[in-house]
Amino acid sequence: MEKQIHWIKSSYSGPNGDCVELATTLDEIRDSKDPHGPTLAVDVSTFVRAVQQGRFDR
């Protein structure tokens, strides 16, 4: 049986879908524009720390 993954999109996401989504399992992220595309395995605590430090700011 294939595991069912649910995805969370940021409430800050715009209507054009340009967003990163986080799996409710907290171990994968994906591009919301390509929901059937590849996912990236992540360590959520490291990812959140990087976001808080502004490492993804433009």
PDB file of N, CA and C in Angstrom:
ATOM      1  N   MET A   1       0.842  -1.180   0.000  1.00  0.00           N
ATOM      2  CA  MET A   1       0.000   0.000   0.000  1.00  0.00           C
ATOM      3  C   MET A   1       0.883   1.238   0.000  1.00  0.00           C
ATOM      4  N   GLU A   2       0.575   2.174  -0.872  1.00  0.00           N
ATOM      5  CA  GLU A   2       1.349   3.415  -0.984  1.00  0.00           C
ATOM      6  C   GLU A   2       0.989   4.352   0.157  1.00  0.00           C
ATOM      7  N   LYS A   3       2.008   4.987   0.754  1.00  0.00           N
ATOM      8  CA  LYS A   3       1.713   5.897   1.864  1.00  0.00           C
ATOM      9  C   LYS A   3       1.045   7.153   1.332  1.00  0.00           C
ATOM     10  N   GLN A   4       0.064   7.625   2.071  1.00  0.00           N
ATOM     11  CA  GLN A   4      -0.682   8.825   1.717  1.00  0.00           C
ATOM     12  C   GLN A   4       0.014  10.033   2.334  1.00  0.00           C
ATOM     13  N   ILE A   5       0.430  10.958   1.496  1.00  0.00           N
ATOM     14  CA  ILE A   5       1.094  12.168   1.974  1.00  0.00           C
ATOM     15  C   ILE A   5       0.158  13.353   1.741  1.00  0.00           C
ATOM     16  N   HIS A   6      -0.002  14.155   2.758  1.00  0.00           N
ATOM     17  CA  HIS A   6      -0.765  15.391   2.644  1.00  0.00           C
ATOM     18  C   HIS A   6       0.232  16.546   2.668  1.00  0.00           C
ATOM     19  N   TRP A   7      -0.072  17.591   1.920  1.00  0.00           N
ATOM     20  CA  TRP A   7       0.847  18.709   1.751  1.00  0.00           C
ATOM     21  C   TRP A   7       0.268  19.981   2.342  1.00  0.00           C
ATOM     22  N   ILE A   8       1.143  20.802   2.920  1.00  0.00           N
ATOM     23  CA  ILE A   8       0.762  22.075   3.532  1.00  0.00           C
ATOM     24  C   ILE A   8       1.386  23.198   2.718  1.00  0.00           C
ATOM     25  N   LYS A   9       0.543  24.102   2.247  1.00  0.00           N
ATOM     26  CA  LYS A   9       1.026  25.267   1.505  1.00  0.00           C
ATOM     27  C   LYS A   9       0.989  26.470   2.440  1.00  0.00           C
ATOM     28  N   SER A  10       1.978  27.306   2.359  1.00  0.00           N
ATOM     29  CA  SER A  10       2.050  28.498   3.198  1.00  0.00           C
ATOM     30  C   SER A  10       0.850  29.405   2.978  1.00  0.00           C
ATOM     31  N   SER A  11       0.361  29.986   4.054  1.00  0.00           N
ATOM     32  CA  SER A  11      -0.728  30.965   3.937  1.00  0.00           C
ATOM     33  C   SER A  11      -0.238  32.240   3.254  1.00  0.00           C
ATOM     34  N   TYR A  12       1.071  32.400   3.121  1.00  0.00           N
ATOM     35  CA  TYR A  12       1.654  33.558   2.438  1.00  0.00           C
ATOM     36  C   TYR A  12       1.787  33.327   0.938  1.00  0.00           C
ATOM     37  N   SER A  13       1.438  32.148   0.470  1.00  0.00           N
ATOM     38  CA  SER A  13       1.556  31.814  -0.941  1.00  0.00           C
ATOM     39  C   SER A  13       0.612  32.671  -1.772  1.00  0.00           C
ATOM     40  N   GLY A  14       1.097  33.112  -2.906  1.00  0.00           N
ATOM     41  CA  GLY A  14       0.271  33.909  -3.800  1.00  0.00           C
ATOM     42  C   GLY A  14      -0.656  33.034  -4.629  1.00  0.00           C
ATOM     43  N   PRO A  15      -1.603  33.641  -5.340  1.00  0.00           N
ATOM     44  CA  PRO A  15      -2.574  32.880  -6.127  1.00  0.00           C
ATOM     45  C   PRO A  15      -1.965  32.187  -7.348  1.00  0.00           C
ATOM     46  N   ASN A  16      -0.754  32.574  -7.745  1.00  0.00           N
ATOM     47  CA  ASN A  16      -0.117  31.969  -8.918  1.00  0.00           C
ATOM     48  C   ASN A  16       0.537  30.621  -8.606  1.00  0.00           C
ATOM     49  N   GLY A  17       0.533  30.206  -7.347  1.00  0.00           N
ATOM     50  CA  GLY A  17       1.051  28.889  -6.986  1.00  0.00           C
ATOM     51  C   GLY A  17       2.549  28.822  -6.787  1.00  0.00           C
ATOM     52  N   ASP A  18       3.242  29.941  -6.837  1.00  0.00           N
ATOM     53  CA  ASP A  18       4.693  29.938  -6.630  1.00  0.00           C
ATOM     54  C   ASP A  18       4.994  29.752  -5.151  1.00  0.00           C
ATOM     55  N   CYS A  19       5.103  28.511  -4.743  1.00  0.00           N
ATOM     56  CA  CYS A  19       5.274  28.229  -3.337  1.00  0.00           C
ATOM     57  C   CYS A  19       5.967  26.883  -3.156  1.00  0.00           C
ATOM     58  N   VAL A  20       6.541  26.717  -2.009  1.00  0.00           N
ATOM     59  CA  VAL A  20       7.074  25.423  -1.596  1.00  0.00           C
ATOM     60  C   VAL A  20       6.083  24.842  -0.606  1.00  0.00           C
ATOM     61  N   GLU A  21       5.785  23.560  -0.756  1.00  0.00           N
ATOM     62  CA  GLU A  21       4.866  22.896   0.161  1.00  0.00           C
ATOM     63  C   GLU A  21       5.637  21.900   1.017  1.00  0.00           C
ATOM     64  N   LEU A  22       5.178  21.720   2.255  1.00  0.00           N
ATOM     65  CA  LEU A  22       5.787  20.805   3.209  1.00  0.00           C
ATOM     66  C   LEU A  22       4.842  19.640   3.444  1.00  0.00           C
ATOM     67  N   ALA A  23       5.374  18.422   3.382  1.00  0.00           N
ATOM     68  CA  ALA A  23       4.566  17.239   3.672  1.00  0.00           C
ATOM     69  C   ALA A  23       4.239  17.205   5.157  1.00  0.00           C
ATOM     70  N   THR A  24       3.047  16.713   5.484  1.00  0.00           N
ATOM     71  CA  THR A  24       2.663  16.619   6.891  1.00  0.00           C
ATOM     72  C   THR A  24       3.529  15.613   7.634  1.00  0.00           C
ATOM     73  N   THR A  25       4.264  14.787   6.909  1.00  0.00           N
ATOM     74  CA  THR A  25       5.218  13.867   7.537  1.00  0.00           C
ATOM     75  C   THR A  25       6.480  14.606   7.974  1.00  0.00           C
ATOM     76  N   LEU A  26       6.593  15.886   7.576  1.00  0.00           N
ATOM     77  CA  LEU A  26       7.707  16.778   7.926  1.00  0.00           C
ATOM     78  C   LEU A  26       9.064  16.292   7.449  1.00  0.00           C
ATOM     79  N   ASP A  27       9.079  15.544   6.336  1.00  0.00           N
ATOM     80  CA  ASP A  27      10.363  15.071   5.831  1.00  0.00           C
ATOM     81  C   ASP A  27      10.544  15.265   4.325  1.00  0.00           C
ATOM     82  N   GLU A  28       9.597  15.976   3.677  1.00  0.00           N
ATOM     83  CA  GLU A  28       9.705  16.236   2.250  1.00  0.00           C
ATOM     84  C   GLU A  28       9.146  17.609   1.921  1.00  0.00           C
ATOM     85  N   ILE A  29       9.708  18.241   0.896  1.00  0.00           N
ATOM     86  CA  ILE A  29       9.155  19.473   0.347  1.00  0.00           C
ATOM     87  C   ILE A  29       9.027  19.307  -1.157  1.00  0.00           C
ATOM     88  N   ARG A  30       8.160  20.111  -1.770  1.00  0.00           N
ATOM     89  CA  ARG A  30       7.976  20.062  -3.221  1.00  0.00           C
ATOM     90  C   ARG A  30       7.598  21.446  -3.726  1.00  0.00           C
ATOM     91  N   ASP A  31       7.718  21.615  -5.021  1.00  0.00           N
ATOM     92  CA  ASP A  31       7.308  22.833  -5.709  1.00  0.00           C
ATOM     93  C   ASP A  31       5.813  22.718  -5.984  1.00  0.00           C
ATOM     94  N   SER A  32       5.022  23.642  -5.487  1.00  0.00           N
ATOM     95  CA  SER A  32       3.572  23.545  -5.650  1.00  0.00           C
ATOM     96  C   SER A  32       3.135  23.667  -7.103  1.00  0.00           C
ATOM     97  N   LYS A  33       3.965  24.222  -7.974  1.00  0.00           N
ATOM     98  CA  LYS A  33       3.624  24.315  -9.392  1.00  0.00           C
ATOM     99  C   LYS A  33       3.722  22.954 -10.074  1.00  0.00           C
ATOM    100  N   ASP A  34       4.409  21.999  -9.452  1.00  0.00           N
ATOM    101  CA  ASP A  34       4.618  20.677 -10.044  1.00  0.00           C
ATOM    102  C   ASP A  34       4.300  19.594  -9.001  1.00  0.00           C
ATOM    103  N   PRO A  35       3.019  19.459  -8.635  1.00  0.00           N
ATOM    104  CA  PRO A  35       2.665  18.554  -7.541  1.00  0.00           C
ATOM    105  C   PRO A  35       2.960  17.085  -7.817  1.00  0.00           C
ATOM    106  N   HIS A  36       3.119  16.712  -9.067  1.00  0.00           N
ATOM    107  CA  HIS A  36       3.426  15.312  -9.391  1.00  0.00           C
ATOM    108  C   HIS A  36       4.913  15.126  -9.703  1.00  0.00           C
ATOM    109  N   GLY A  37       5.668  16.190  -9.540  1.00  0.00           N
ATOM    110  CA  GLY A  37       7.098  16.146  -9.815  1.00  0.00           C
ATOM    111  C   GLY A  37       7.888  15.612  -8.631  1.00  0.00           C
ATOM    112  N   PRO A  38       9.182  15.811  -8.679  1.00  0.00           N
ATOM    113  CA  PRO A  38      10.047  15.279  -7.621  1.00  0.00           C
ATOM    114  C   PRO A  38       9.855  16.009  -6.294  1.00  0.00           C
ATOM    115  N   THR A  39      10.228  15.336  -5.243  1.00  0.00           N
ATOM    116  CA  THR A  39      10.223  15.941  -3.908  1.00  0.00           C
ATOM    117  C   THR A  39      11.655  15.935  -3.392  1.00  0.00           C
ATOM    118  N   LEU A  40      11.888  16.725  -2.386  1.00  0.00           N
ATOM    119  CA  LEU A  40      13.207  16.828  -1.778  1.00  0.00           C
ATOM    120  C   LEU A  40      13.109  16.392  -0.326  1.00  0.00           C
ATOM    121  N   ALA A  41      13.910  15.401   0.046  1.00  0.00           N
ATOM    122  CA  ALA A  41      13.946  14.964   1.447  1.00  0.00           C
ATOM    123  C   ALA A  41      14.655  16.032   2.261  1.00  0.00           C
ATOM    124  N   VAL A  42      14.078  16.374   3.410  1.00  0.00           N
ATOM    125  CA  VAL A  42      14.632  17.439   4.242  1.00  0.00           C
ATOM    126  C   VAL A  42      14.665  17.040   5.714  1.00  0.00           C
ATOM    127  N   ASP A  43      15.560  17.660   6.418  1.00  0.00           N
ATOM    128  CA  ASP A  43      15.572  17.610   7.880  1.00  0.00           C
ATOM    129  C   ASP A  43      14.883  18.903   8.301  1.00  0.00           C
ATOM    130  N   VAL A  44      13.648  18.811   8.754  1.00  0.00           N
ATOM    131  CA  VAL A  44      12.829  19.999   8.991  1.00  0.00           C
ATOM    132  C   VAL A  44      13.466  20.964   9.979  1.00  0.00           C
ATOM    133  N   SER A  45      14.064  20.466  11.048  1.00  0.00           N
ATOM    134  CA  SER A  45      14.653  21.389  12.022  1.00  0.00           C
ATOM    135  C   SER A  45      15.777  22.210  11.396  1.00  0.00           C
ATOM    136  N   THR A  46      16.583  21.591  10.549  1.00  0.00           N
ATOM    137  CA  THR A  46      17.650  22.312   9.852  1.00  0.00           C
ATOM    138  C   THR A  46      17.060  23.301   8.849  1.00  0.00           C
ATOM    139  N   PHE A  47      16.018  22.878   8.132  1.00  0.00           N
ATOM    140  CA  PHE A  47      15.355  23.732   7.156  1.00  0.00           C
ATOM    141  C   PHE A  47      14.740  24.966   7.831  1.00  0.00           C
ATOM    142  N   VAL A  48      14.014  24.750   8.923  1.00  0.00           N
ATOM    143  CA  VAL A  48      13.386  25.868   9.642  1.00  0.00           C
ATOM    144  C   VAL A  48      14.444  26.831  10.173  1.00  0.00           C
ATOM    145  N   ARG A  49      15.521  26.297  10.704  1.00  0.00           N
ATOM    146  CA  ARG A  49      16.605  27.145  11.209  1.00  0.00           C
ATOM    147  C   ARG A  49      17.179  28.002  10.075  1.00  0.00           C
ATOM    148  N   ALA A  50      17.358  27.423   8.898  1.00  0.00           N
ATOM    149  CA  ALA A  50      17.889  28.175   7.758  1.00  0.00           C
ATOM    150  C   ALA A  50      16.924  29.275   7.333  1.00  0.00           C
ATOM    151  N   VAL A  51      15.635  28.996   7.344  1.00  0.00           N
ATOM    152  CA  VAL A  51      14.628  30.011   7.005  1.00  0.00           C
ATOM    153  C   VAL A  51      14.667  31.150   8.017  1.00  0.00           C
ATOM    154  N   GLN A  52      14.732  30.804   9.304  1.00  0.00           N
ATOM    155  CA  GLN A  52      14.782  31.814  10.355  1.00  0.00           C
ATOM    156  C   GLN A  52      16.021  32.683  10.247  1.00  0.00           C
ATOM    157  N   GLN A  53      17.109  32.119   9.768  1.00  0.00           N
ATOM    158  CA  GLN A  53      18.353  32.867   9.615  1.00  0.00           C
ATOM    159  C   GLN A  53      18.370  33.694   8.338  1.00  0.00           C
ATOM    160  N   GLY A  54      17.314  33.579   7.519  1.00  0.00           N
ATOM    161  CA  GLY A  54      17.234  34.370   6.298  1.00  0.00           C
ATOM    162  C   GLY A  54      18.066  33.834   5.145  1.00  0.00           C
ATOM    163  N   ARG A  55      18.451  32.583   5.208  1.00  0.00           N
ATOM    164  CA  ARG A  55      19.308  32.007   4.169  1.00  0.00           C
ATOM    165  C   ARG A  55      18.619  31.905   2.817  1.00  0.00           C
ATOM    166  N   PHE A  56      17.293  32.021   2.768  1.00  0.00           N
ATOM    167  CA  PHE A  56      16.565  31.928   1.504  1.00  0.00           C
ATOM    168  C   PHE A  56      16.014  33.267   1.051  1.00  0.00           C
ATOM    169  N   ASP A  57      16.326  34.320   1.780  1.00  0.00           N
ATOM    170  CA  ASP A  57      15.864  35.656   1.399  1.00  0.00           C
ATOM    171  C   ASP A  57      16.576  36.094   0.136  1.00  0.00           C
ATOM    172  N   ARG A  58      15.867  36.859  -0.646  1.00  0.00           N
ATOM    173  CA  ARG A  58      16.478  37.402  -1.875  1.00  0.00           C
ATOM    174  C   ARG A  58      17.023  38.766  -1.624  1.00  0.00           C
TER     175      ARG A  58
END
